[in-house]
All heavy atoms as atom14 arrays in JSON, in Angstrom:
{
  "sequence": "DLVEKAKAEGSLREDFTATDVPVLTHSVSDVARLQPGRGRDLARRHLE",
  "atom14_mask": [
    [1, 1, 1, 1, 1, 1, 1, 1, 0, 0, 0, 0, 0, 0],
    [1, 1, 1, 1, 1, 1, 1, 1, 0, 0, 0, 0, 0, 0],
    [1, 1, 1, 1, 1, 1, 1, 0, 0, 0, 0, 0, 0, 0],
    [1, 1, 1, 1, 1, 1, 1, 1, 1, 0, 0, 0, 0, 0],
    [1, 1, 1, 1, 1, 1, 1, 1, 1, 0, 0, 0, 0, 0],
    [1, 1, 1, 1, 1, 0, 0, 0, 0, 0, 0, 0, 0, 0],
    [1, 1, 1, 1, 1, 1, 1, 1, 1, 0, 0, 0, 0, 0],
    [1, 1, 1, 1, 1, 0, 0, 0, 0, 0, 0, 0, 0, 0],
    [1, 1, 1, 1, 1, 1, 1, 1, 1, 0, 0, 0, 0, 0],
    [1, 1, 1, 1, 0, 0, 0, 0, 0, 0, 0, 0, 0, 0],
    [1, 1, 1, 1, 1, 1, 0, 0, 0, 0, 0, 0, 0, 0],
    [1, 1, 1, 1, 1, 1, 1, 1, 0, 0, 0, 0, 0, 0],
    [1, 1, 1, 1, 1, 1, 1, 1, 1, 1, 1, 0, 0, 0],
    [1, 1, 1, 1, 1, 1, 1, 1, 1, 0, 0, 0, 0, 0],
    [1, 1, 1, 1, 1, 1, 1, 1, 0, 0, 0, 0, 0, 0],
    [1, 1, 1, 1, 1, 1, 1, 1, 1, 1, 1, 0, 0, 0],
    [1, 1, 1, 1, 1, 1, 1, 0, 0, 0, 0, 0, 0, 0],
    [1, 1, 1, 1, 1, 0, 0, 0, 0, 0, 0, 0, 0, 0],
    [1, 1, 1, 1, 1, 1, 1, 0, 0, 0, 0, 0, 0, 0],
    [1, 1, 1, 1, 1, 1, 1, 1, 0, 0, 0, 0, 0, 0],
    [1, 1, 1, 1, 1, 1, 1, 0, 0, 0, 0, 0, 0, 0],
    [1, 1, 1, 1, 1, 1, 1, 0, 0, 0, 0, 0, 0, 0],
    [1, 1, 1, 1, 1, 1, 1, 0, 0, 0, 0, 0, 0, 0],
    [1, 1, 1, 1, 1, 1, 1, 1, 0, 0, 0, 0, 0, 0],
    [1, 1, 1, 1, 1, 1, 1, 0, 0, 0, 0, 0, 0, 0],
    [1, 1, 1, 1, 1, 1, 1, 1, 1, 1, 0, 0, 0, 0],
    [1, 1, 1, 1, 1, 1, 0, 0, 0, 0, 0, 0, 0, 0],
    [1, 1, 1, 1, 1, 1, 1, 0, 0, 0, 0, 0, 0, 0],
    [1, 1, 1, 1, 1, 1, 0, 0, 0, 0, 0, 0, 0, 0],
    [1, 1, 1, 1, 1, 1, 1, 1, 0, 0, 0, 0, 0, 0],
    [1, 1, 1, 1, 1, 1, 1, 0, 0, 0, 0, 0, 0, 0],
    [1, 1, 1, 1, 1, 0, 0, 0, 0, 0, 0, 0, 0, 0],
    [1, 1, 1, 1, 1, 1, 1, 1, 1, 1, 1, 0, 0, 0],
    [1, 1, 1, 1, 1, 1, 1, 1, 0, 0, 0, 0, 0, 0],
    [1, 1, 1, 1, 1, 1, 1, 1, 1, 0, 0, 0, 0, 0],
    [1, 1, 1, 1, 1, 1, 1, 0, 0, 0, 0, 0, 0, 0],
    [1, 1, 1, 1, 0, 0, 0, 0, 0, 0, 0, 0, 0, 0],
    [1, 1, 1, 1, 1, 1, 1, 1, 1, 1, 1, 0, 0, 0],
    [1, 1, 1, 1, 0, 0, 0, 0, 0, 0, 0, 0, 0, 0],
    [1, 1, 1, 1, 1, 1, 1, 1, 1, 1, 1, 0, 0, 0],
    [1, 1, 1, 1, 1, 1, 1, 1, 0, 0, 0, 0, 0, 0],
    [1, 1, 1, 1, 1, 1, 1, 1, 0, 0, 0, 0, 0, 0],
    [1, 1, 1, 1, 1, 0, 0, 0, 0, 0, 0, 0, 0, 0],
    [1, 1, 1, 1, 1, 1, 1, 1, 1, 1, 1, 0, 0, 0],
    [1, 1, 1, 1, 1, 1, 1, 1, 1, 1, 1, 0, 0, 0],
    [1, 1, 1, 1, 1, 1, 1, 1, 1, 1, 0, 0, 0, 0],
    [1, 1, 1, 1, 1, 1, 1, 1, 0, 0, 0, 0, 0, 0],
    [1, 1, 1, 1, 1, 1, 1, 1, 1, 0, 0, 0, 0, 0]
  ],
  "atom14_positions": [
    [[81.8, 102.53, 100.94], [80.63, 103.18, 100.33], [80.15, 104.34, 101.21], [79.84, 105.44, 100.7], [79.5, 102.15, 100.16], [78.29, 102.73, 99.48], [78.4, 103.18, 98.33], [77.2, 102.75, 100.11], [0.0, 0.0, 0.0], [0.0, 0.0, 0.0], [0.0, 0.0, 0.0], [0.0, 0.0, 0.0], [0.0, 0.0, 0.0], [0.0, 0.0, 0.0]],
    [[80.13, 104.13, 102.52], [79.7, 105.18, 103.45], [80.68, 106.36, 103.42], [80.27, 107.53, 103.42], [79.59, 104.61, 104.86], [79.0, 105.5, 105.95], [77.61, 105.98, 105.58], [78.98, 104.74, 107.28], [0.0, 0.0, 0.0], [0.0, 0.0, 0.0], [0.0, 0.0, 0.0], [0.0, 0.0, 0.0], [0.0, 0.0, 0.0], [0.0, 0.0, 0.0]],
    [[81.97, 106.05, 103.39], [82.99, 107.09, 103.35], [82.87, 107.92, 102.07], [82.92, 109.17, 102.11], [84.4, 106.47, 103.46], [85.48, 107.48, 103.05], [84.66, 105.98, 104.88], [0.0, 0.0, 0.0], [0.0, 0.0, 0.0], [0.0, 0.0, 0.0], [0.0, 0.0, 0.0], [0.0, 0.0, 0.0], [0.0, 0.0, 0.0], [0.0, 0.0, 0.0]],
    [[82.7, 107.27, 100.94], [82.6, 108.0, 99.67], [81.34, 108.87, 99.63], [81.36, 109.97, 99.08], [82.6, 107.01, 98.5], [83.94, 106.31, 98.29], [85.1, 107.3, 98.18], [84.96, 108.29, 97.41], [86.13, 107.1, 98.85], [0.0, 0.0, 0.0], [0.0, 0.0, 0.0], [0.0, 0.0, 0.0], [0.0, 0.0, 0.0], [0.0, 0.0, 0.0]],
    [[80.26, 108.39, 100.21], [79.03, 109.2, 100.25], [79.24, 110.44, 101.12], [78.75, 111.53, 100.79], [77.87, 108.37, 100.79], [77.36, 107.31, 99.8], [76.22, 106.52, 100.41], [75.67, 105.5, 99.41], [74.6, 104.65, 100.01], [0.0, 0.0, 0.0], [0.0, 0.0, 0.0], [0.0, 0.0, 0.0], [0.0, 0.0, 0.0], [0.0, 0.0, 0.0]],
    [[79.96, 110.27, 102.25], [80.23, 111.42, 103.12], [81.1, 112.45, 102.4], [80.91, 113.66, 102.57], [80.89, 110.95, 104.41], [0.0, 0.0, 0.0], [0.0, 0.0, 0.0], [0.0, 0.0, 0.0], [0.0, 0.0, 0.0], [0.0, 0.0, 0.0], [0.0, 0.0, 0.0], [0.0, 0.0, 0.0], [0.0, 0.0, 0.0], [0.0, 0.0, 0.0]],
    [[82.04, 111.98, 101.62], [82.87, 112.9, 100.84], [82.03, 113.62, 99.78], [82.17, 114.83, 99.58], [84.0, 112.14, 100.15], [85.07, 111.6, 101.09], [86.12, 110.85, 100.29], [87.17, 110.21, 101.19], [88.19, 109.46, 100.4], [0.0, 0.0, 0.0], [0.0, 0.0, 0.0], [0.0, 0.0, 0.0], [0.0, 0.0, 0.0], [0.0, 0.0, 0.0]],
    [[81.16, 112.86, 99.12], [80.34, 113.44, 98.04], [79.41, 114.53, 98.57], [79.13, 115.5, 97.86], [79.54, 112.34, 97.36], [0.0, 0.0, 0.0], [0.0, 0.0, 0.0], [0.0, 0.0, 0.0], [0.0, 0.0, 0.0], [0.0, 0.0, 0.0], [0.0, 0.0, 0.0], [0.0, 0.0, 0.0], [0.0, 0.0, 0.0], [0.0, 0.0, 0.0]],
    [[78.95, 114.4, 99.8], [78.06, 115.43, 100.35], [78.85, 116.6, 100.95], [78.27, 117.55, 101.46], [77.12, 114.82, 101.39], [77.79, 114.35, 102.65], [76.87, 113.56, 103.58], [75.83, 113.03, 103.1], [77.19, 113.46, 104.78], [0.0, 0.0, 0.0], [0.0, 0.0, 0.0], [0.0, 0.0, 0.0], [0.0, 0.0, 0.0], [0.0, 0.0, 0.0]],
    [[80.19, 116.5, 100.91], [81.03, 117.59, 101.37], [81.26, 117.68, 102.85], [81.66, 118.72, 103.37], [0.0, 0.0, 0.0], [0.0, 0.0, 0.0], [0.0, 0.0, 0.0], [0.0, 0.0, 0.0], [0.0, 0.0, 0.0], [0.0, 0.0, 0.0], [0.0, 0.0, 0.0], [0.0, 0.0, 0.0], [0.0, 0.0, 0.0], [0.0, 0.0, 0.0]],
    [[81.02, 116.57, 103.57], [81.15, 116.61, 105.03], [82.4, 115.9, 105.55], [82.68, 115.98, 106.75], [79.91, 115.97, 105.68], [79.69, 114.67, 105.19], [0.0, 0.0, 0.0], [0.0, 0.0, 0.0], [0.0, 0.0, 0.0], [0.0, 0.0, 0.0], [0.0, 0.0, 0.0], [0.0, 0.0, 0.0], [0.0, 0.0, 0.0], [0.0, 0.0, 0.0]],
    [[83.17, 115.25, 104.67], [84.34, 114.49, 105.1], [85.54, 114.85, 104.25], [85.42, 115.0, 103.03], [84.05, 112.98, 104.98], [85.18, 112.02, 105.36], [85.5, 112.11, 106.85], [84.77, 110.57, 105.01], [0.0, 0.0, 0.0], [0.0, 0.0, 0.0], [0.0, 0.0, 0.0], [0.0, 0.0, 0.0], [0.0, 0.0, 0.0], [0.0, 0.0, 0.0]],
    [[86.69, 114.99, 104.88], [87.9, 115.34, 104.16], [88.23, 114.29, 103.11], [87.98, 113.09, 103.29], [89.06, 115.54, 105.12], [89.39, 114.37, 106.01], [90.42, 114.73, 107.07], [91.65, 115.21, 106.46], [92.45, 116.12, 107.02], [92.16, 116.63, 108.2], [93.55, 116.52, 106.42], [0.0, 0.0, 0.0], [0.0, 0.0, 0.0], [0.0, 0.0, 0.0]],
    [[88.81, 114.72, 102.01], [89.02, 113.86, 100.85], [90.06, 112.77, 101.06], [90.04, 111.74, 100.39], [89.43, 114.7, 99.63], [88.27, 115.45, 98.99], [87.24, 114.51, 98.39], [87.63, 113.45, 97.87], [86.05, 114.83, 98.47], [0.0, 0.0, 0.0], [0.0, 0.0, 0.0], [0.0, 0.0, 0.0], [0.0, 0.0, 0.0], [0.0, 0.0, 0.0]],
    [[90.99, 112.97, 102.01], [92.06, 111.98, 102.17], [91.72, 110.89, 103.18], [92.55, 110.05, 103.5], [93.38, 112.67, 102.56], [93.25, 113.55, 103.8], [92.12, 113.65, 104.34], [94.26, 114.13, 104.22], [0.0, 0.0, 0.0], [0.0, 0.0, 0.0], [0.0, 0.0, 0.0], [0.0, 0.0, 0.0], [0.0, 0.0, 0.0], [0.0, 0.0, 0.0]],
    [[90.49, 110.89, 103.68], [90.06, 109.84, 104.62], [89.66, 108.6, 103.84], [89.05, 108.68, 102.77], [88.86, 110.35, 105.44], [88.5, 109.46, 106.6], [89.14, 109.58, 107.82], [87.5, 108.5, 106.46], [88.8, 108.76, 108.89], [87.16, 107.68, 107.52], [87.81, 107.81, 108.74], [0.0, 0.0, 0.0], [0.0, 0.0, 0.0], [0.0, 0.0, 0.0]],
    [[90.02, 107.41, 104.36], [89.68, 106.16, 103.69], [88.97, 105.2, 104.65], [88.99, 105.39, 105.87], [90.94, 105.46, 103.14], [91.72, 104.96, 104.25], [91.78, 106.4, 102.3], [0.0, 0.0, 0.0], [0.0, 0.0, 0.0], [0.0, 0.0, 0.0], [0.0, 0.0, 0.0], [0.0, 0.0, 0.0], [0.0, 0.0, 0.0], [0.0, 0.0, 0.0]],
    [[88.4, 104.14, 104.09], [87.7, 103.14, 104.91], [88.65, 102.48, 105.9], [88.28, 102.15, 107.03], [87.04, 102.1, 104.02], [0.0, 0.0, 0.0], [0.0, 0.0, 0.0], [0.0, 0.0, 0.0], [0.0, 0.0, 0.0], [0.0, 0.0, 0.0], [0.0, 0.0, 0.0], [0.0, 0.0, 0.0], [0.0, 0.0, 0.0], [0.0, 0.0, 0.0]],
    [[89.9, 102.28, 105.51], [90.88, 101.64, 106.39], [91.17, 102.49, 107.62], [91.56, 101.97, 108.67], [92.19, 101.37, 105.62], [91.89, 100.69, 104.41], [93.14, 100.51, 106.45], [0.0, 0.0, 0.0], [0.0, 0.0, 0.0], [0.0, 0.0, 0.0], [0.0, 0.0, 0.0], [0.0, 0.0, 0.0], [0.0, 0.0, 0.0], [0.0, 0.0, 0.0]],
    [[90.98, 103.81, 107.49], [91.21, 104.69, 108.64], [90.24, 104.4, 109.78], [90.56, 104.67, 110.95], [91.07, 106.16, 108.23], [92.25, 106.64, 107.4], [93.39, 106.25, 107.71], [92.03, 107.41, 106.44], [0.0, 0.0, 0.0], [0.0, 0.0, 0.0], [0.0, 0.0, 0.0], [0.0, 0.0, 0.0], [0.0, 0.0, 0.0], [0.0, 0.0, 0.0]],
    [[89.07, 103.85, 109.46], [88.05, 103.63, 110.51], [88.55, 102.65, 111.57], [88.57, 102.99, 112.77], [86.72, 103.16, 109.89], [85.72, 102.82, 111.0], [86.15, 104.24, 108.98], [0.0, 0.0, 0.0], [0.0, 0.0, 0.0], [0.0, 0.0, 0.0], [0.0, 0.0, 0.0], [0.0, 0.0, 0.0], [0.0, 0.0, 0.0], [0.0, 0.0, 0.0]],
    [[88.97, 101.41, 111.22], [89.44, 100.51, 112.28], [90.73, 100.97, 112.94], [90.93, 100.75, 114.14], [89.64, 99.18, 111.54], [89.82, 99.54, 110.11], [88.96, 100.74, 109.91], [0.0, 0.0, 0.0], [0.0, 0.0, 0.0], [0.0, 0.0, 0.0], [0.0, 0.0, 0.0], [0.0, 0.0, 0.0], [0.0, 0.0, 0.0], [0.0, 0.0, 0.0]],
    [[91.62, 101.61, 112.19], [92.89, 102.06, 112.77], [92.64, 103.16, 113.81], [93.15, 103.1, 114.94], [93.84, 102.56, 111.67], [95.11, 103.13, 112.29], [94.21, 101.42, 110.72], [0.0, 0.0, 0.0], [0.0, 0.0, 0.0], [0.0, 0.0, 0.0], [0.0, 0.0, 0.0], [0.0, 0.0, 0.0], [0.0, 0.0, 0.0], [0.0, 0.0, 0.0]],
    [[91.85, 104.17, 113.45], [91.59, 105.27, 114.37], [90.77, 104.83, 115.58], [91.07, 105.21, 116.71], [90.86, 106.4, 113.64], [91.68, 107.2, 112.62], [90.79, 108.21, 111.9], [92.83, 107.92, 113.31], [0.0, 0.0, 0.0], [0.0, 0.0, 0.0], [0.0, 0.0, 0.0], [0.0, 0.0, 0.0], [0.0, 0.0, 0.0], [0.0, 0.0, 0.0]],
    [[89.74, 104.01, 115.34], [88.9, 103.61, 116.47], [89.65, 102.68, 117.42], [89.42, 102.71, 118.63], [87.61, 102.93, 115.99], [87.91, 101.85, 115.09], [86.72, 103.93, 115.27], [0.0, 0.0, 0.0], [0.0, 0.0, 0.0], [0.0, 0.0, 0.0], [0.0, 0.0, 0.0], [0.0, 0.0, 0.0], [0.0, 0.0, 0.0], [0.0, 0.0, 0.0]],
    [[90.57, 101.87, 116.9], [91.39, 101.05, 117.79], [92.29, 101.94, 118.65], [92.41, 101.73, 119.86], [92.26, 100.07, 117.0], [93.34, 99.44, 117.83], [93.08, 98.46, 118.76], [94.67, 99.69, 117.92], [94.2, 98.11, 119.37], [95.18, 98.84, 118.87], [0.0, 0.0, 0.0], [0.0, 0.0, 0.0], [0.0, 0.0, 0.0], [0.0, 0.0, 0.0]],
    [[92.92, 102.92, 118.02], [93.82, 103.81, 118.76], [93.08, 104.54, 119.87], [93.59, 104.68, 120.98], [94.45, 104.81, 117.79], [95.2, 104.15, 116.79], [0.0, 0.0, 0.0], [0.0, 0.0, 0.0], [0.0, 0.0, 0.0], [0.0, 0.0, 0.0], [0.0, 0.0, 0.0], [0.0, 0.0, 0.0], [0.0, 0.0, 0.0], [0.0, 0.0, 0.0]],
    [[91.87, 105.0, 119.57], [91.09, 105.73, 120.57], [90.63, 104.8, 121.68], [90.7, 105.14, 122.87], [89.88, 106.42, 119.9], [88.94, 107.0, 120.95], [90.35, 107.53, 118.97], [0.0, 0.0, 0.0], [0.0, 0.0, 0.0], [0.0, 0.0, 0.0], [0.0, 0.0, 0.0], [0.0, 0.0, 0.0], [0.0, 0.0, 0.0], [0.0, 0.0, 0.0]],
    [[90.13, 103.62, 121.34], [89.61, 102.7, 122.35], [90.71, 102.16, 123.25], [90.44, 101.7, 124.37], [88.86, 101.53, 121.69], [89.73, 100.77, 120.88], [0.0, 0.0, 0.0], [0.0, 0.0, 0.0], [0.0, 0.0, 0.0], [0.0, 0.0, 0.0], [0.0, 0.0, 0.0], [0.0, 0.0, 0.0], [0.0, 0.0, 0.0], [0.0, 0.0, 0.0]],
    [[91.95, 102.24, 122.8], [93.08, 101.81, 123.64], [93.16, 102.64, 124.92], [93.68, 102.18, 125.93], [94.4, 101.94, 122.86], [95.15, 100.62, 122.8], [94.56, 99.57, 123.14], [96.32, 100.63, 122.41], [0.0, 0.0, 0.0], [0.0, 0.0, 0.0], [0.0, 0.0, 0.0], [0.0, 0.0, 0.0], [0.0, 0.0, 0.0], [0.0, 0.0, 0.0]],
    [[92.64, 103.86, 124.87], [92.64, 104.72, 126.05], [91.86, 104.05, 127.18], [92.24, 104.12, 128.35], [92.02, 106.1, 125.72], [91.87, 106.94, 126.98], [92.88, 106.82, 124.69], [0.0, 0.0, 0.0], [0.0, 0.0, 0.0], [0.0, 0.0, 0.0], [0.0, 0.0, 0.0], [0.0, 0.0, 0.0], [0.0, 0.0, 0.0], [0.0, 0.0, 0.0]],
    [[90.76, 103.38, 126.83], [89.93, 102.71, 127.85], [90.7, 101.57, 128.5], [90.6, 101.35, 129.71], [88.65, 102.2, 127.22], [0.0, 0.0, 0.0], [0.0, 0.0, 0.0], [0.0, 0.0, 0.0], [0.0, 0.0, 0.0], [0.0, 0.0, 0.0], [0.0, 0.0, 0.0], [0.0, 0.0, 0.0], [0.0, 0.0, 0.0], [0.0, 0.0, 0.0]],
    [[91.48, 100.85, 127.7], [92.24, 99.73, 128.25], [93.37, 100.21, 129.16], [93.66, 99.6, 130.19], [92.82, 98.9, 127.1], [93.61, 97.68, 127.57], [94.13, 96.9, 126.36], [95.06, 97.67, 125.56], [96.35, 97.81, 125.85], [96.85, 97.24, 126.94], [97.15, 98.51, 125.06], [0.0, 0.0, 0.0], [0.0, 0.0, 0.0], [0.0, 0.0, 0.0]],
    [[93.98, 101.33, 128.79], [95.13, 101.83, 129.54], [94.73, 102.67, 130.75], [95.55, 102.92, 131.63], [96.03, 102.66, 128.61], [96.64, 101.89, 127.43], [97.35, 102.85, 126.48], [97.6, 100.82, 127.92], [0.0, 0.0, 0.0], [0.0, 0.0, 0.0], [0.0, 0.0, 0.0], [0.0, 0.0, 0.0], [0.0, 0.0, 0.0], [0.0, 0.0, 0.0]],
    [[93.47, 103.13, 130.77], [93.01, 103.98, 131.87], [91.76, 103.38, 132.5], [90.63, 103.83, 132.23], [92.7, 105.39, 131.34], [93.89, 106.14, 130.8], [94.8, 106.65, 131.92], [94.35, 106.86, 133.02], [96.07, 106.82, 131.61], [0.0, 0.0, 0.0], [0.0, 0.0, 0.0], [0.0, 0.0, 0.0], [0.0, 0.0, 0.0], [0.0, 0.0, 0.0]],
    [[91.89, 102.35, 133.34], [90.71, 101.75, 133.98], [89.92, 102.79, 134.77], [90.48, 103.73, 135.32], [91.33, 100.7, 134.92], [92.68, 100.42, 134.35], [93.15, 101.71, 133.75], [0.0, 0.0, 0.0], [0.0, 0.0, 0.0], [0.0, 0.0, 0.0], [0.0, 0.0, 0.0], [0.0, 0.0, 0.0], [0.0, 0.0, 0.0], [0.0, 0.0, 0.0]],
    [[88.62, 102.62, 134.77], [87.78, 103.57, 135.49], [87.25, 104.65, 134.57], [86.15, 104.53, 134.03], [0.0, 0.0, 0.0], [0.0, 0.0, 0.0], [0.0, 0.0, 0.0], [0.0, 0.0, 0.0], [0.0, 0.0, 0.0], [0.0, 0.0, 0.0], [0.0, 0.0, 0.0], [0.0, 0.0, 0.0], [0.0, 0.0, 0.0], [0.0, 0.0, 0.0]],
    [[88.06, 105.68, 134.34], [87.63, 106.81, 133.49], [87.94, 106.57, 132.02], [87.6, 107.4, 131.18], [88.32, 108.09, 133.94], [87.92, 108.58, 135.32], [88.55, 109.92, 135.6], [88.15, 110.91, 134.59], [88.79, 112.06, 134.39], [89.86, 112.35, 135.12], [88.38, 112.9, 133.48], [0.0, 0.0, 0.0], [0.0, 0.0, 0.0], [0.0, 0.0, 0.0]],
    [[88.57, 105.46, 131.71], [89.03, 105.23, 130.35], [87.96, 105.29, 129.29], [88.17, 105.84, 128.2], [0.0, 0.0, 0.0], [0.0, 0.0, 0.0], [0.0, 0.0, 0.0], [0.0, 0.0, 0.0], [0.0, 0.0, 0.0], [0.0, 0.0, 0.0], [0.0, 0.0, 0.0], [0.0, 0.0, 0.0], [0.0, 0.0, 0.0], [0.0, 0.0, 0.0]],
    [[86.78, 104.74, 129.58], [85.72, 104.73, 128.57], [85.26, 106.14, 128.22], [85.04, 106.47, 127.05], [84.54, 103.9, 129.06], [84.83, 102.41, 129.19], [83.63, 101.65, 129.71], [83.94, 100.25, 129.94], [83.09, 99.37, 130.45], [81.87, 99.76, 130.77], [83.46, 98.12, 130.64], [0.0, 0.0, 0.0], [0.0, 0.0, 0.0], [0.0, 0.0, 0.0]],
    [[85.11, 106.96, 129.26], [84.71, 108.35, 129.02], [85.79, 109.11, 128.25], [85.49, 109.91, 127.36], [84.41, 109.06, 130.34], [83.14, 108.57, 131.0], [82.29, 108.0, 130.29], [83.01, 108.73, 132.22], [0.0, 0.0, 0.0], [0.0, 0.0, 0.0], [0.0, 0.0, 0.0], [0.0, 0.0, 0.0], [0.0, 0.0, 0.0], [0.0, 0.0, 0.0]],
    [[87.04, 108.84, 128.6], [88.14, 109.5, 127.89], [88.2, 109.05, 126.44], [88.47, 109.86, 125.54], [89.48, 109.2, 128.58], [89.71, 109.89, 129.92], [91.01, 109.39, 130.56], [89.76, 111.41, 129.75], [0.0, 0.0, 0.0], [0.0, 0.0, 0.0], [0.0, 0.0, 0.0], [0.0, 0.0, 0.0], [0.0, 0.0, 0.0], [0.0, 0.0, 0.0]],
    [[87.95, 107.76, 126.2], [87.97, 107.25, 124.83], [86.9, 107.94, 123.99], [87.14, 108.36, 122.86], [87.76, 105.74, 124.82], [0.0, 0.0, 0.0], [0.0, 0.0, 0.0], [0.0, 0.0, 0.0], [0.0, 0.0, 0.0], [0.0, 0.0, 0.0], [0.0, 0.0, 0.0], [0.0, 0.0, 0.0], [0.0, 0.0, 0.0], [0.0, 0.0, 0.0]],
    [[85.69, 108.07, 124.57], [84.63, 108.74, 123.82], [84.97, 110.22, 123.61], [84.7, 110.78, 122.55], [83.3, 108.59, 124.58], [82.15, 109.38, 123.94], [81.97, 109.06, 122.45], [81.29, 107.82, 122.24], [79.95, 107.71, 122.18], [79.2, 108.78, 122.34], [79.4, 106.54, 121.94], [0.0, 0.0, 0.0], [0.0, 0.0, 0.0], [0.0, 0.0, 0.0]],
    [[85.56, 110.87, 124.62], [85.95, 112.28, 124.47], [86.94, 112.44, 123.31], [86.79, 113.31, 122.46], [86.58, 112.79, 125.76], [87.26, 114.16, 125.62], [87.91, 114.62, 126.91], [88.81, 115.74, 126.66], [88.41, 117.0, 126.45], [87.13, 117.29, 126.47], [89.3, 117.96, 126.23], [0.0, 0.0, 0.0], [0.0, 0.0, 0.0], [0.0, 0.0, 0.0]],
    [[87.95, 111.57, 123.3], [88.96, 111.68, 122.25], [88.37, 111.4, 120.88], [88.78, 111.99, 119.88], [90.12, 110.71, 122.55], [90.91, 111.12, 123.75], [91.93, 110.36, 124.27], [90.84, 112.22, 124.54], [92.45, 110.97, 125.33], [91.79, 112.1, 125.51], [0.0, 0.0, 0.0], [0.0, 0.0, 0.0], [0.0, 0.0, 0.0], [0.0, 0.0, 0.0]],
    [[87.4, 110.48, 120.81], [86.76, 110.2, 119.54], [86.0, 111.44, 119.05], [86.09, 111.8, 117.86], [85.79, 109.02, 119.65], [84.95, 108.76, 118.4], [85.85, 108.36, 117.22], [83.9, 107.7, 118.65], [0.0, 0.0, 0.0], [0.0, 0.0, 0.0], [0.0, 0.0, 0.0], [0.0, 0.0, 0.0], [0.0, 0.0, 0.0], [0.0, 0.0, 0.0]],
    [[85.25, 112.08, 119.94], [84.48, 113.26, 119.53], [85.4, 114.38, 119.05], [85.1, 115.08, 118.08], [83.59, 113.73, 120.67], [82.51, 112.73, 121.1], [81.62, 112.3, 119.97], [81.29, 113.13, 119.09], [81.23, 111.11, 119.94], [0.0, 0.0, 0.0], [0.0, 0.0, 0.0], [0.0, 0.0, 0.0], [0.0, 0.0, 0.0], [0.0, 0.0, 0.0]]
  ]
}
């Protein structure tokens, strides 16, 4: 519902889906696990 509303207001690309949220955020947060210390900051950087 949130994804469709973002598309309707013209702020989100049309091919993005709800399933992309857990897949992308897992991939990004993996940076924190693989890079102890600076990993959290790097994960947030990559997300932004």
